[in-house]
N, C-alpha and C. Protein backbone atom coordinates (compact mmCIF):
# COMPACT_ATOMS: atom_id res chain seq x y z
N MET A 1 -1.11 96.28 110.19
CA MET A 1 -1.48 97.65 110.49
C MET A 1 -1.13 98.52 109.28
N LEU A 2 -2.03 99.44 108.97
CA LEU A 2 -1.82 100.36 107.87
C LEU A 2 -2.05 101.78 108.36
N LEU A 3 -1.11 102.67 108.06
CA LEU A 3 -1.26 104.10 108.36
C LEU A 3 -1.32 104.82 107.03
N ASP A 4 -2.46 105.41 106.72
CA ASP A 4 -2.67 106.13 105.48
C ASP A 4 -2.61 107.63 105.77
N VAL A 5 -1.47 108.24 105.51
CA VAL A 5 -1.28 109.67 105.75
C VAL A 5 -1.74 110.42 104.50
N GLY A 6 -2.64 111.36 104.70
CA GLY A 6 -3.24 112.06 103.57
C GLY A 6 -4.31 111.20 102.92
N CYS A 7 -5.13 110.58 103.74
CA CYS A 7 -6.10 109.60 103.26
C CYS A 7 -7.23 110.21 102.43
N GLY A 8 -7.44 111.51 102.55
CA GLY A 8 -8.52 112.14 101.78
C GLY A 8 -9.86 111.55 102.13
N ASN A 9 -10.62 111.14 101.12
CA ASN A 9 -11.95 110.58 101.38
C ASN A 9 -11.91 109.05 101.50
N ALA A 10 -10.74 108.50 101.70
CA ALA A 10 -10.53 107.06 101.93
C ALA A 10 -10.74 106.21 100.69
N LEU A 11 -10.47 106.79 99.53
CA LEU A 11 -10.63 106.06 98.27
C LEU A 11 -9.81 104.78 98.26
N PHE A 12 -8.58 104.83 98.79
CA PHE A 12 -7.73 103.64 98.84
C PHE A 12 -7.75 102.97 100.21
N THR A 13 -8.07 103.73 101.23
CA THR A 13 -8.06 103.20 102.59
C THR A 13 -9.11 102.13 102.79
N VAL A 14 -10.31 102.37 102.28
CA VAL A 14 -11.41 101.42 102.48
C VAL A 14 -11.10 100.06 101.85
N PRO A 15 -10.69 100.00 100.58
CA PRO A 15 -10.36 98.68 100.02
C PRO A 15 -9.18 98.00 100.73
N LEU A 16 -8.20 98.79 101.16
CA LEU A 16 -7.05 98.20 101.85
C LEU A 16 -7.42 97.69 103.24
N ALA A 17 -8.51 98.19 103.80
CA ALA A 17 -8.94 97.73 105.12
C ALA A 17 -9.30 96.25 105.11
N GLU A 18 -9.61 95.72 103.94
CA GLU A 18 -9.90 94.29 103.84
C GLU A 18 -8.64 93.44 103.95
N LEU A 19 -7.47 94.06 103.74
CA LEU A 19 -6.21 93.32 103.78
C LEU A 19 -5.46 93.46 105.10
N PHE A 20 -5.82 94.47 105.88
CA PHE A 20 -5.12 94.75 107.13
C PHE A 20 -6.09 94.62 108.31
N ASN A 21 -5.57 94.21 109.46
CA ASN A 21 -6.43 94.05 110.62
C ASN A 21 -6.66 95.36 111.38
N PHE A 22 -5.86 96.39 111.10
CA PHE A 22 -6.01 97.68 111.78
C PHE A 22 -5.60 98.77 110.80
N VAL A 23 -6.48 99.74 110.57
CA VAL A 23 -6.22 100.80 109.59
C VAL A 23 -6.49 102.16 110.24
N VAL A 24 -5.55 103.10 110.03
CA VAL A 24 -5.70 104.47 110.51
C VAL A 24 -5.51 105.41 109.33
N GLY A 25 -6.47 106.31 109.14
CA GLY A 25 -6.35 107.31 108.09
C GLY A 25 -6.20 108.70 108.71
N ILE A 26 -5.25 109.48 108.20
CA ILE A 26 -5.00 110.82 108.72
C ILE A 26 -5.05 111.80 107.54
N ASP A 27 -5.73 112.92 107.75
CA ASP A 27 -5.78 113.95 106.72
C ASP A 27 -5.89 115.31 107.40
N ILE A 28 -5.42 116.35 106.75
CA ILE A 28 -5.46 117.70 107.31
C ILE A 28 -6.86 118.32 107.20
N SER A 29 -7.67 117.82 106.27
CA SER A 29 -8.99 118.37 106.01
C SER A 29 -10.06 117.67 106.86
N LYS A 30 -10.76 118.42 107.67
CA LYS A 30 -11.84 117.86 108.49
C LYS A 30 -12.96 117.31 107.63
N GLU A 31 -13.21 117.97 106.49
CA GLU A 31 -14.27 117.51 105.59
C GLU A 31 -13.93 116.14 105.00
N MET A 32 -12.68 115.94 104.64
CA MET A 32 -12.26 114.65 104.09
C MET A 32 -12.35 113.55 105.15
N ILE A 33 -11.96 113.86 106.36
CA ILE A 33 -12.05 112.87 107.44
C ILE A 33 -13.52 112.50 107.69
N SER A 34 -14.39 113.50 107.65
CA SER A 34 -15.82 113.25 107.83
C SER A 34 -16.35 112.33 106.74
N ASP A 35 -15.94 112.58 105.50
CA ASP A 35 -16.37 111.74 104.39
C ASP A 35 -15.82 110.32 104.54
N ALA A 36 -14.57 110.22 104.94
CA ALA A 36 -13.95 108.91 105.15
C ALA A 36 -14.64 108.16 106.28
N ALA A 37 -14.99 108.85 107.34
CA ALA A 37 -15.65 108.21 108.49
C ALA A 37 -17.01 107.66 108.09
N SER A 38 -17.71 108.33 107.20
CA SER A 38 -19.02 107.82 106.77
C SER A 38 -18.86 106.53 105.97
N LYS A 39 -17.76 106.38 105.26
CA LYS A 39 -17.50 105.14 104.53
C LYS A 39 -17.18 104.00 105.49
N ARG A 40 -16.60 104.33 106.62
CA ARG A 40 -16.26 103.31 107.61
C ARG A 40 -17.51 102.57 108.09
N LEU A 41 -18.62 103.27 108.14
CA LEU A 41 -19.86 102.68 108.64
C LEU A 41 -20.42 101.61 107.73
N ILE A 42 -20.03 101.63 106.45
CA ILE A 42 -20.57 100.62 105.53
C ILE A 42 -19.69 99.38 105.45
N LEU A 43 -18.54 99.40 106.10
CA LEU A 43 -17.66 98.22 106.10
C LEU A 43 -18.22 97.16 107.04
N THR A 44 -18.17 95.94 106.61
CA THR A 44 -18.59 94.84 107.47
C THR A 44 -17.42 93.86 107.57
N LEU A 45 -16.52 94.16 108.47
CA LEU A 45 -15.33 93.32 108.63
C LEU A 45 -15.51 92.36 109.78
């Protein structure tokens, strides 16, 4: 499990998702979370 606090646009979260079975990203900015969520859709785990 990985908890990425201040994940921003998931620059590091997405690559680390390949190493962990469960990943959570948290950020104060709704825009950054939206950008990170769009990257989640391209992952094929």
